[in-house]
PDB file of N, CA and C in Angstrom:
ATOM      1  N   MET A   1       8.413 -27.004  -5.150  1.00  0.00           N
ATOM      2  CA  MET A   1       7.393 -26.487  -6.058  1.00  0.00           C
ATOM      3  C   MET A   1       6.289 -27.522  -6.283  1.00  0.00           C
ATOM      4  N   GLN A   2       6.710 -28.798  -6.356  1.00  0.00           N
ATOM      5  CA  GLN A   2       5.714 -29.861  -6.556  1.00  0.00           C
ATOM      6  C   GLN A   2       4.691 -29.876  -5.429  1.00  0.00           C
ATOM      7  N   ASP A   3       5.166 -29.689  -4.187  1.00  0.00           N
ATOM      8  CA  ASP A   3       4.240 -29.690  -3.053  1.00  0.00           C
ATOM      9  C   ASP A   3       3.234 -28.549  -3.175  1.00  0.00           C
ATOM     10  N   GLY A   4       3.690 -27.395  -3.645  1.00  0.00           N
ATOM     11  CA  GLY A   4       2.793 -26.266  -3.838  1.00  0.00           C
ATOM     12  C   GLY A   4       1.732 -26.557  -4.886  1.00  0.00           C
ATOM     13  N   ARG A   5       2.128 -27.195  -5.954  1.00  0.00           N
ATOM     14  CA  ARG A   5       1.177 -27.556  -7.019  1.00  0.00           C
ATOM     15  C   ARG A   5       0.164 -28.589  -6.524  1.00  0.00           C
ATOM     16  N   ARG A   6       0.644 -29.536  -5.706  1.00  0.00           N
ATOM     17  CA  ARG A   6      -0.271 -30.534  -5.141  1.00  0.00           C
ATOM     18  C   ARG A   6      -1.276 -29.872  -4.207  1.00  0.00           C
ATOM     19  N   ALA A   7      -0.772 -28.976  -3.358  1.00  0.00           N
ATOM     20  CA  ALA A   7      -1.660 -28.251  -2.439  1.00  0.00           C
ATOM     21  C   ALA A   7      -2.685 -27.436  -3.219  1.00  0.00           C
ATOM     22  N   LEU A   8      -2.238 -26.796  -4.299  1.00  0.00           N
ATOM     23  CA  LEU A   8      -3.137 -26.007  -5.145  1.00  0.00           C
ATOM     24  C   LEU A   8      -4.239 -26.888  -5.721  1.00  0.00           C
ATOM     25  N   ALA A   9      -3.879 -28.043  -6.239  1.00  0.00           N
ATOM     26  CA  ALA A   9      -4.869 -28.955  -6.824  1.00  0.00           C
ATOM     27  C   ALA A   9      -5.894 -29.392  -5.780  1.00  0.00           C
ATOM     28  N   ILE A  10      -5.423 -29.680  -4.583  1.00  0.00           N
ATOM     29  CA  ILE A  10      -6.336 -30.088  -3.510  1.00  0.00           C
ATOM     30  C   ILE A  10      -7.271 -28.934  -3.145  1.00  0.00           C
ATOM     31  N   GLN A  11      -6.707 -27.733  -3.010  1.00  0.00           N
ATOM     32  CA  GLN A  11      -7.538 -26.570  -2.684  1.00  0.00           C
ATOM     33  C   GLN A  11      -8.587 -26.316  -3.762  1.00  0.00           C
ATOM     34  N   GLU A  12      -8.167 -26.373  -5.011  1.00  0.00           N
ATOM     35  CA  GLU A  12      -9.107 -26.121  -6.108  1.00  0.00           C
ATOM     36  C   GLU A  12     -10.245 -27.135  -6.092  1.00  0.00           C
ATOM     37  N   GLN A  13      -9.913 -28.393  -5.822  1.00  0.00           N
ATOM     38  CA  GLN A  13     -10.930 -29.435  -5.794  1.00  0.00           C
ATOM     39  C   GLN A  13     -11.843 -29.275  -4.587  1.00  0.00           C
ATOM     40  N   THR A  14     -11.279 -28.917  -3.463  1.00  0.00           N
ATOM     41  CA  THR A  14     -12.039 -28.832  -2.214  1.00  0.00           C
ATOM     42  C   THR A  14     -12.801 -27.518  -2.082  1.00  0.00           C
ATOM     43  N   LEU A  15     -12.134 -26.410  -2.410  1.00  0.00           N
ATOM     44  CA  LEU A  15     -12.693 -25.083  -2.165  1.00  0.00           C
ATOM     45  C   LEU A  15     -13.275 -24.416  -3.403  1.00  0.00           C
ATOM     46  N   GLY A  16     -12.833 -24.831  -4.567  1.00  0.00           N
ATOM     47  CA  GLY A  16     -13.229 -24.195  -5.822  1.00  0.00           C
ATOM     48  C   GLY A  16     -12.091 -23.357  -6.370  1.00  0.00           C
ATOM     49  N   LYS A  17     -12.050 -23.219  -7.676  1.00  0.00           N
ATOM     50  CA  LYS A  17     -10.934 -22.532  -8.347  1.00  0.00           C
ATOM     51  C   LYS A  17     -10.885 -21.033  -8.101  1.00  0.00           C
ATOM     52  N   GLU A  18     -11.980 -20.457  -7.634  1.00  0.00           N
ATOM     53  CA  GLU A  18     -12.045 -19.005  -7.427  1.00  0.00           C
ATOM     54  C   GLU A  18     -11.971 -18.618  -5.947  1.00  0.00           C
ATOM     55  N   ASN A  19     -11.565 -19.536  -5.099  1.00  0.00           N
ATOM     56  CA  ASN A  19     -11.504 -19.296  -3.662  1.00  0.00           C
ATOM     57  C   ASN A  19     -10.298 -18.424  -3.306  1.00  0.00           C
ATOM     58  N   LEU A  20     -10.455 -17.586  -2.299  1.00  0.00           N
ATOM     59  CA  LEU A  20      -9.357 -16.698  -1.882  1.00  0.00           C
ATOM     60  C   LEU A  20      -8.151 -17.471  -1.373  1.00  0.00           C
ATOM     61  N   ASP A  21      -8.351 -18.622  -0.743  1.00  0.00           N
ATOM     62  CA  ASP A  21      -7.205 -19.437  -0.316  1.00  0.00           C
ATOM     63  C   ASP A  21      -6.405 -19.920  -1.526  1.00  0.00           C
ATOM     64  N   VAL A  22      -7.092 -20.195  -2.613  1.00  0.00           N
ATOM     65  CA  VAL A  22      -6.421 -20.574  -3.855  1.00  0.00           C
ATOM     66  C   VAL A  22      -5.549 -19.413  -4.340  1.00  0.00           C
ATOM     67  N   SER A  23      -6.060 -18.193  -4.242  1.00  0.00           N
ATOM     68  CA  SER A  23      -5.267 -17.033  -4.678  1.00  0.00           C
ATOM     69  C   SER A  23      -4.001 -16.879  -3.837  1.00  0.00           C
ATOM     70  N   THR A  24      -4.090 -17.176  -2.553  1.00  0.00           N
ATOM     71  CA  THR A  24      -2.911 -17.090  -1.689  1.00  0.00           C
ATOM     72  C   THR A  24      -1.870 -18.129  -2.097  1.00  0.00           C
ATOM     73  N   THR A  25      -2.323 -19.335  -2.378  1.00  0.00           N
ATOM     74  CA  THR A  25      -1.404 -20.384  -2.817  1.00  0.00           C
ATOM     75  C   THR A  25      -0.780 -20.022  -4.163  1.00  0.00           C
ATOM     76  N   LEU A  26      -1.584 -19.487  -5.072  1.00  0.00           N
ATOM     77  CA  LEU A  26      -1.050 -19.053  -6.370  1.00  0.00           C
ATOM     78  C   LEU A  26      -0.002 -17.963  -6.193  1.00  0.00           C
ATOM     79  N   ASN A  27      -0.241 -17.042  -5.275  1.00  0.00           N
ATOM     80  CA  ASN A  27       0.748 -15.994  -4.999  1.00  0.00           C
ATOM     81  C   ASN A  27       2.055 -16.598  -4.512  1.00  0.00           C
ATOM     82  N   ARG A  28       1.973 -17.538  -3.590  1.00  0.00           N
ATOM     83  CA  ARG A  28       3.187 -18.163  -3.051  1.00  0.00           C
ATOM     84  C   ARG A  28       3.949 -18.917  -4.142  1.00  0.00           C
ATOM     85  N   ILE A  29       3.228 -19.657  -4.959  1.00  0.00           N
ATOM     86  CA  ILE A  29       3.865 -20.392  -6.047  1.00  0.00           C
ATOM     87  C   ILE A  29       4.495 -19.410  -7.032  1.00  0.00           C
ATOM     88  N   GLY A  30       3.749 -18.349  -7.376  1.00  0.00           N
ATOM     89  CA  GLY A  30       4.262 -17.356  -8.320  1.00  0.00           C
ATOM     90  C   GLY A  30       5.529 -16.677  -7.839  1.00  0.00           C
ATOM     91  N   ILE A  31       5.602 -16.377  -6.556  1.00  0.00           N
ATOM     92  CA  ILE A  31       6.807 -15.757  -6.002  1.00  0.00           C
ATOM     93  C   ILE A  31       7.982 -16.730  -6.088  1.00  0.00           C
ATOM     94  N   SER A  32       7.732 -17.996  -5.784  1.00  0.00           N
ATOM     95  CA  SER A  32       8.792 -19.012  -5.895  1.00  0.00           C
ATOM     96  C   SER A  32       9.277 -19.135  -7.338  1.00  0.00           C
ATOM     97  N   GLU A  33       8.331 -19.131  -8.267  1.00  0.00           N
ATOM     98  CA  GLU A  33       8.700 -19.217  -9.688  1.00  0.00           C
ATOM     99  C   GLU A  33       9.514 -18.002 -10.105  1.00  0.00           C
ATOM    100  N   ARG A  34       9.101 -16.828  -9.638  1.00  0.00           N
ATOM    101  CA  ARG A  34       9.875 -15.617  -9.928  1.00  0.00           C
ATOM    102  C   ARG A  34      11.306 -15.769  -9.433  1.00  0.00           C
ATOM    103  N   ASP A  35      11.442 -16.232  -8.201  1.00  0.00           N
ATOM    104  CA  ASP A  35      12.763 -16.379  -7.606  1.00  0.00           C
ATOM    105  C   ASP A  35      13.624 -17.408  -8.336  1.00  0.00           C
ATOM    106  N   LEU A  36      12.981 -18.379  -8.983  1.00  0.00           N
ATOM    107  CA  LEU A  36      13.693 -19.384  -9.766  1.00  0.00           C
ATOM    108  C   LEU A  36      13.929 -18.941 -11.216  1.00  0.00           C
ATOM    109  N   GLY A  37      13.446 -17.752 -11.557  1.00  0.00           N
ATOM    110  CA  GLY A  37      13.609 -17.250 -12.921  1.00  0.00           C
ATOM    111  C   GLY A  37      12.609 -17.817 -13.908  1.00  0.00           C
ATOM    112  N   GLN A  38      11.547 -18.420 -13.420  1.00  0.00           N
ATOM    113  CA  GLN A  38      10.499 -18.978 -14.275  1.00  0.00           C
ATOM    114  C   GLN A  38       9.421 -17.908 -14.474  1.00  0.00           C
ATOM    115  N   TYR A  39       9.778 -16.873 -15.193  1.00  0.00           N
ATOM    116  CA  TYR A  39       8.954 -15.671 -15.262  1.00  0.00           C
ATOM    117  C   TYR A  39       7.617 -15.872 -15.959  1.00  0.00           C
ATOM    118  N   SER A  40       7.592 -16.637 -17.007  1.00  0.00           N
ATOM    119  CA  SER A  40       6.348 -16.848 -17.735  1.00  0.00           C
ATOM    120  C   SER A  40       5.313 -17.537 -16.846  1.00  0.00           C
ATOM    121  N   GLN A  41       5.721 -18.603 -16.163  1.00  0.00           N
ATOM    122  CA  GLN A  41       4.802 -19.315 -15.285  1.00  0.00           C
ATOM    123  C   GLN A  41       4.423 -18.446 -14.087  1.00  0.00           C
ATOM    124  N   ALA A  42       5.385 -17.676 -13.574  1.00  0.00           N
ATOM    125  CA  ALA A  42       5.093 -16.772 -12.454  1.00  0.00           C
ATOM    126  C   ALA A  42       4.027 -15.761 -12.860  1.00  0.00           C
ATOM    127  N   GLN A  43       4.148 -15.203 -14.048  1.00  0.00           N
ATOM    128  CA  GLN A  43       3.145 -14.240 -14.531  1.00  0.00           C
ATOM    129  C   GLN A  43       1.770 -14.888 -14.608  1.00  0.00           C
ATOM    130  N   THR A  44       1.702 -16.073 -15.147  1.00  0.00           N
ATOM    131  CA  THR A  44       0.425 -16.782 -15.280  1.00  0.00           C
ATOM    132  C   THR A  44      -0.225 -16.980 -13.918  1.00  0.00           C
ATOM    133  N   ASP A  45       0.543 -17.473 -12.962  1.00  0.00           N
ATOM    134  CA  ASP A  45      -0.023 -17.760 -11.639  1.00  0.00           C
ATOM    135  C   ASP A  45      -0.375 -16.482 -10.887  1.00  0.00           C
ATOM    136  N   LEU A  46       0.463 -15.465 -10.973  1.00  0.00           N
ATOM    137  CA  LEU A  46       0.185 -14.218 -10.263  1.00  0.00           C
ATOM    138  C   LEU A  46      -0.984 -13.453 -10.891  1.00  0.00           C
ATOM    139  N   LYS A  47      -1.115 -13.517 -12.192  1.00  0.00           N
ATOM    140  CA  LYS A  47      -2.271 -12.884 -12.844  1.00  0.00           C
ATOM    141  C   LYS A  47      -3.565 -13.584 -12.435  1.00  0.00           C
ATOM    142  N   ARG A  48      -3.507 -14.889 -12.335  1.00  0.00           N
ATOM    143  CA  ARG A  48      -4.700 -15.632 -11.906  1.00  0.00           C
ATOM    144  C   ARG A  48      -5.060 -15.293 -10.466  1.00  0.00           C
ATOM    145  N   ALA A  49      -4.053 -15.213  -9.604  1.00  0.00           N
ATOM    146  CA  ALA A  49      -4.302 -14.838  -8.203  1.00  0.00           C
ATOM    147  C   ALA A  49      -4.942 -13.454  -8.130  1.00  0.00           C
ATOM    148  N   LEU A  50      -4.416 -12.524  -8.904  1.00  0.00           N
ATOM    149  CA  LEU A  50      -4.966 -11.172  -8.935  1.00  0.00           C
ATOM    150  C   LEU A  50      -6.414 -11.180  -9.415  1.00  0.00           C
ATOM    151  N   ALA A  51      -6.694 -11.935 -10.452  1.00  0.00           N
ATOM    152  CA  ALA A  51      -8.059 -12.001 -10.995  1.00  0.00           C
ATOM    153  C   ALA A  51      -9.039 -12.544  -9.957  1.00  0.00           C
ATOM    154  N   ILE A  52      -8.636 -13.564  -9.228  1.00  0.00           N
ATOM    155  CA  ILE A  52      -9.512 -14.121  -8.188  1.00  0.00           C
ATOM    156  C   ILE A  52      -9.798 -13.055  -7.143  1.00  0.00           C
ATOM    157  N   ARG A  53      -8.762 -12.360  -6.721  1.00  0.00           N
ATOM    158  CA  ARG A  53      -8.929 -11.337  -5.687  1.00  0.00           C
ATOM    159  C   ARG A  53      -9.775 -10.169  -6.178  1.00  0.00           C
ATOM    160  N   GLU A  54      -9.592  -9.792  -7.427  1.00  0.00           N
ATOM    161  CA  GLU A  54     -10.377  -8.673  -7.959  1.00  0.00           C
ATOM    162  C   GLU A  54     -11.861  -9.032  -8.053  1.00  0.00           C
ATOM    163  N   LYS A  55     -12.168 -10.296  -8.291  1.00  0.00           N
ATOM    164  CA  LYS A  55     -13.565 -10.738  -8.355  1.00  0.00           C
ATOM    165  C   LYS A  55     -14.191 -10.827  -6.966  1.00  0.00           C
ATOM    166  N   SER A  56     -13.386 -11.135  -5.968  1.00  0.00           N
ATOM    167  CA  SER A  56     -13.910 -11.454  -4.638  1.00  0.00           C
ATOM    168  C   SER A  56     -13.847 -10.324  -3.627  1.00  0.00           C
ATOM    169  N   LEU A  57     -12.966  -9.365  -3.849  1.00  0.00           N
ATOM    170  CA  LEU A  57     -12.706  -8.343  -2.843  1.00  0.00           C
ATOM    171  C   LEU A  57     -13.017  -6.946  -3.361  1.00  0.00           C
ATOM    172  N   ASP A  58     -13.167  -6.026  -2.444  1.00  0.00           N
ATOM    173  CA  ASP A  58     -13.285  -4.614  -2.790  1.00  0.00           C
ATOM    174  C   ASP A  58     -12.037  -4.206  -3.586  1.00  0.00           C
ATOM    175  N   ARG A  59     -12.201  -3.352  -4.552  1.00  0.00           N
ATOM    176  CA  ARG A  59     -11.084  -2.993  -5.440  1.00  0.00           C
ATOM    177  C   ARG A  59      -9.923  -2.316  -4.734  1.00  0.00           C
ATOM    178  N   LYS A  60     -10.134  -1.865  -3.503  1.00  0.00           N
ATOM    179  CA  LYS A  60      -9.055  -1.234  -2.739  1.00  0.00           C
ATOM    180  C   LYS A  60      -8.618  -2.085  -1.554  1.00  0.00           C
ATOM    181  N   HIS A  61      -8.863  -3.372  -1.624  1.00  0.00           N
ATOM    182  CA  HIS A  61      -8.455  -4.284  -0.554  1.00  0.00           C
ATOM    183  C   HIS A  61      -6.939  -4.468  -0.599  1.00  0.00           C
ATOM    184  N   ILE A  62      -6.329  -4.576   0.558  1.00  0.00           N
ATOM    185  CA  ILE A  62      -4.874  -4.679   0.652  1.00  0.00           C
ATOM    186  C   ILE A  62      -4.335  -5.925  -0.057  1.00  0.00           C
ATOM    187  N   TRP A  63      -5.124  -7.006  -0.081  1.00  0.00           N
ATOM    188  CA  TRP A  63      -4.661  -8.207  -0.777  1.00  0.00           C
ATOM    189  C   TRP A  63      -4.509  -7.976  -2.274  1.00  0.00           C
ATOM    190  N   ILE A  64      -5.303  -7.078  -2.824  1.00  0.00           N
ATOM    191  CA  ILE A  64      -5.143  -6.737  -4.246  1.00  0.00           C
ATOM    192  C   ILE A  64      -3.830  -5.986  -4.433  1.00  0.00           C
ATOM    193  N   ALA A  65      -3.512  -5.088  -3.518  1.00  0.00           N
ATOM    194  CA  ALA A  65      -2.231  -4.373  -3.586  1.00  0.00           C
ATOM    195  C   ALA A  65      -1.071  -5.356  -3.548  1.00  0.00           C
ATOM    196  N   ILE A  66      -1.159  -6.348  -2.689  1.00  0.00           N
ATOM    197  CA  ILE A  66      -0.098  -7.355  -2.587  1.00  0.00           C
ATOM    198  C   ILE A  66       0.052  -8.111  -3.904  1.00  0.00           C
ATOM    199  N   SER A  67      -1.061  -8.514  -4.496  1.00  0.00           N
ATOM    200  CA  SER A  67      -1.006  -9.215  -5.787  1.00  0.00           C
ATOM    201  C   SER A  67      -0.398  -8.336  -6.881  1.00  0.00           C
ATOM    202  N   LEU A  68      -0.778  -7.077  -6.898  1.00  0.00           N
ATOM    203  CA  LEU A  68      -0.216  -6.143  -7.884  1.00  0.00           C
ATOM    204  C   LEU A  68       1.293  -6.009  -7.704  1.00  0.00           C
ATOM    205  N   GLU A  69       1.734  -5.894  -6.463  1.00  0.00           N
ATOM    206  CA  GLU A  69       3.171  -5.775  -6.187  1.00  0.00           C
ATOM    207  C   GLU A  69       3.923  -7.039  -6.588  1.00  0.00           C
ATOM    208  N   ASN A  70       3.337  -8.196  -6.326  1.00  0.00           N
ATOM    209  CA  ASN A  70       3.982  -9.450  -6.705  1.00  0.00           C
ATOM    210  C   ASN A  70       4.134  -9.567  -8.214  1.00  0.00           C
ATOM    211  N   LEU A  71       3.075  -9.228  -8.945  1.00  0.00           N
ATOM    212  CA  LEU A  71       3.154  -9.282 -10.405  1.00  0.00           C
ATOM    213  C   LEU A  71       4.160  -8.249 -10.919  1.00  0.00           C
ATOM    214  N   ALA A  72       4.140  -7.062 -10.360  1.00  0.00           N
ATOM    215  CA  ALA A  72       5.105  -6.035 -10.766  1.00  0.00           C
ATOM    216  C   ALA A  72       6.538  -6.501 -10.531  1.00  0.00           C
ATOM    217  N   SER A  73       6.755  -7.244  -9.454  1.00  0.00           N
ATOM    218  CA  SER A  73       8.115  -7.705  -9.153  1.00  0.00           C
ATOM    219  C   SER A  73       8.640  -8.659 -10.223  1.00  0.00           C
ATOM    220  N   VAL A  74       7.746  -9.399 -10.862  1.00  0.00           N
ATOM    221  CA  VAL A  74       8.161 -10.275 -11.961  1.00  0.00           C
ATOM    222  C   VAL A  74       8.619  -9.419 -13.144  1.00  0.00           C
ATOM    223  N   TYR A  75       7.855  -8.383 -13.456  1.00  0.00           N
ATOM    224  CA  TYR A  75       8.240  -7.509 -14.563  1.00  0.00           C
ATOM    225  C   TYR A  75       9.546  -6.788 -14.261  1.00  0.00           C
ATOM    226  N   ILE A  76       9.737  -6.392 -13.023  1.00  0.00           N
ATOM    227  CA  ILE A  76      10.994  -5.732 -12.646  1.00  0.00           C
ATOM    228  C   ILE A  76      12.160  -6.707 -12.782  1.00  0.00           C
ATOM    229  N   ALA A  77      11.968  -7.949 -12.373  1.00  0.00           N
ATOM    230  CA  ALA A  77      13.020  -8.954 -12.522  1.00  0.00           C
ATOM    231  C   ALA A  77      13.410  -9.136 -13.989  1.00  0.00           C
ATOM    232  N   GLN A  78      12.450  -8.887 -14.881  1.00  0.00           N
ATOM    233  CA  GLN A  78      12.696  -8.987 -16.319  1.00  0.00           C
ATOM    234  C   GLN A  78      13.130  -7.646 -16.919  1.00  0.00           C
ATOM    235  N   ARG A  79      13.254  -6.642 -16.077  1.00  0.00           N
ATOM    236  CA  ARG A  79      13.600  -5.273 -16.482  1.00  0.00           C
ATOM    237  C   ARG A  79      12.558  -4.666 -17.421  1.00  0.00           C
ATOM    238  N   ASP A  80      11.315  -5.068 -17.214  1.00  0.00           N
ATOM    239  CA  ASP A  80      10.195  -4.536 -17.996  1.00  0.00           C
ATOM    240  C   ASP A  80       9.470  -3.507 -17.123  1.00  0.00           C
ATOM    241  N   TYR A  81      10.126  -2.376 -16.963  1.00  0.00           N
ATOM    242  CA  TYR A  81       9.640  -1.340 -16.046  1.00  0.00           C
ATOM    243  C   TYR A  81       8.342  -0.689 -16.529  1.00  0.00           C
ATOM    244  N   ALA A  82       8.139  -0.660 -17.823  1.00  0.00           N
ATOM    245  CA  ALA A  82       6.917  -0.052 -18.360  1.00  0.00           C
ATOM    246  C   ALA A  82       5.679  -0.839 -17.927  1.00  0.00           C
ATOM    247  N   ARG A  83       5.798  -2.156 -17.838  1.00  0.00           N
ATOM    248  CA  ARG A  83       4.663  -2.969 -17.388  1.00  0.00           C
ATOM    249  C   ARG A  83       4.533  -2.951 -15.873  1.00  0.00           C
ATOM    250  N   ALA A  84       5.634  -2.795 -15.180  1.00  0.00           N
ATOM    251  CA  ALA A  84       5.607  -2.793 -13.713  1.00  0.00           C
ATOM    252  C   ALA A  84       5.054  -1.487 -13.151  1.00  0.00           C
ATOM    253  N   ALA A  85       5.370  -0.366 -13.768  1.00  0.00           N
ATOM    254  CA  ALA A  85       5.038   0.946 -13.201  1.00  0.00           C
ATOM    255  C   ALA A  85       3.550   1.143 -12.898  1.00  0.00           C
ATOM    256  N   PRO A  86       2.646   0.832 -13.815  1.00  0.00           N
ATOM    257  CA  PRO A  86       1.230   1.055 -13.487  1.00  0.00           C
ATOM    258  C   PRO A  86       0.728   0.143 -12.368  1.00  0.00           C
ATOM    259  N   LEU A  87       1.304  -1.042 -12.269  1.00  0.00           N
ATOM    260  CA  LEU A  87       0.912  -1.947 -11.191  1.00  0.00           C
ATOM    261  C   LEU A  87       1.367  -1.398  -9.840  1.00  0.00           C
ATOM    262  N   TRP A  88       2.600  -0.908  -9.803  1.00  0.00           N
ATOM    263  CA  TRP A  88       3.116  -0.298  -8.568  1.00  0.00           C
ATOM    264  C   TRP A  88       2.282   0.915  -8.182  1.00  0.00           C
ATOM    265  N   ALA A  89       1.942   1.727  -9.161  1.00  0.00           N
ATOM    266  CA  ALA A  89       1.157   2.935  -8.887  1.00  0.00           C
ATOM    267  C   ALA A  89      -0.209   2.571  -8.308  1.00  0.00           C
ATOM    268  N   ARG A  90      -0.840   1.579  -8.879  1.00  0.00           N
ATOM    269  CA  ARG A  90      -2.156   1.153  -8.375  1.00  0.00           C
ATOM    270  C   ARG A  90      -2.037   0.575  -6.962  1.00  0.00           C
ATOM    271  N   ALA A  91      -1.005  -0.227  -6.734  1.00  0.00           N
ATOM    272  CA  ALA A  91      -0.792  -0.798  -5.395  1.00  0.00           C
ATOM    273  C   ALA A  91      -0.529   0.305  -4.375  1.00  0.00           C
ATOM    274  N   ARG A  92       0.248   1.282  -4.751  1.00  0.00           N
ATOM    275  CA  ARG A  92       0.556   2.408  -3.854  1.00  0.00           C
ATOM    276  C   ARG A  92      -0.722   3.170  -3.499  1.00  0.00           C
ATOM    277  N   ALA A  93      -1.587   3.379  -4.471  1.00  0.00           N
ATOM    278  CA  ALA A  93      -2.850   4.081  -4.218  1.00  0.00           C
ATOM    279  C   ALA A  93      -3.737   3.285  -3.261  1.00  0.00           C
ATOM    280  N   ILE A  94      -3.757   1.970  -3.429  1.00  0.00           N
ATOM    281  CA  ILE A  94      -4.547   1.123  -2.531  1.00  0.00           C
ATOM    282  C   ILE A  94      -3.977   1.200  -1.118  1.00  0.00           C
ATOM    283  N   ARG A  95      -2.666   1.109  -1.005  1.00  0.00           N
ATOM    284  CA  ARG A  95      -2.033   1.142   0.311  1.00  0.00           C
ATOM    285  C   ARG A  95      -2.260   2.500   1.002  1.00  0.00           C
ATOM    286  N   ALA A  96      -2.415   3.539   0.219  1.00  0.00           N
ATOM    287  CA  ALA A  96      -2.670   4.865   0.797  1.00  0.00           C
ATOM    288  C   ALA A  96      -4.088   4.965   1.358  1.00  0.00           C
ATOM    289  N   HIS A  97      -5.019   4.248   0.738  1.00  0.00           N
ATOM    290  CA  HIS A  97      -6.431   4.300   1.158  1.00  0.00           C
ATOM    291  C   HIS A  97      -7.052   2.914   1.055  1.00  0.00           C
ATOM    292  N   PRO A  98      -6.619   1.966   1.884  1.00  0.00           N
ATOM    293  CA  PRO A  98      -7.153   0.597   1.774  1.00  0.00           C
ATOM    294  C   PRO A  98      -8.623   0.512   2.195  1.00  0.00           C
ATOM    295  N   ALA A  99      -9.304  -0.431   1.573  1.00  0.00           N
ATOM    296  CA  ALA A  99     -10.717  -0.668   1.900  1.00  0.00           C
ATOM    297  C   ALA A  99     -10.859  -1.614   3.076  1.00  0.00           C
ATOM    298  N   GLY A 100      -9.856  -2.412   3.308  1.00  0.00           N
ATOM    299  CA  GLY A 100      -9.922  -3.378   4.396  1.00  0.00           C
ATOM    300  C   GLY A 100      -8.785  -4.351   4.288  1.00  0.00           C
ATOM    301  N   GLY A 101      -8.597  -5.136   5.275  1.00  0.00           N
ATOM    302  CA  GLY A 101      -7.489  -6.069   5.240  1.00  0.00           C
ATOM    303  C   GLY A 101      -7.732  -7.177   6.114  1.00  0.00           C
TER     304      GLY A 101
END
């Protein structure tokens, strides 16, 4: 996890905090945190990744669907299905009619 955080810091400094590569790194870190049961930190990182992607990409881009699914998976791991359901629904709609990938 430390290596991921170091890579993130380097990317943010080199590319900027709103860069799409930063969102990919945040997604990877968030998934690792989810798998370790660090749900609060996973939510923070995955929400940030989603926000970067929503600012940079078409609203129906497949990467947004991936971010939505990753965040939903954290809520499912916490058995918070009410928060996960709308994210899954939005991701499913994007996957049905993606804008690009």
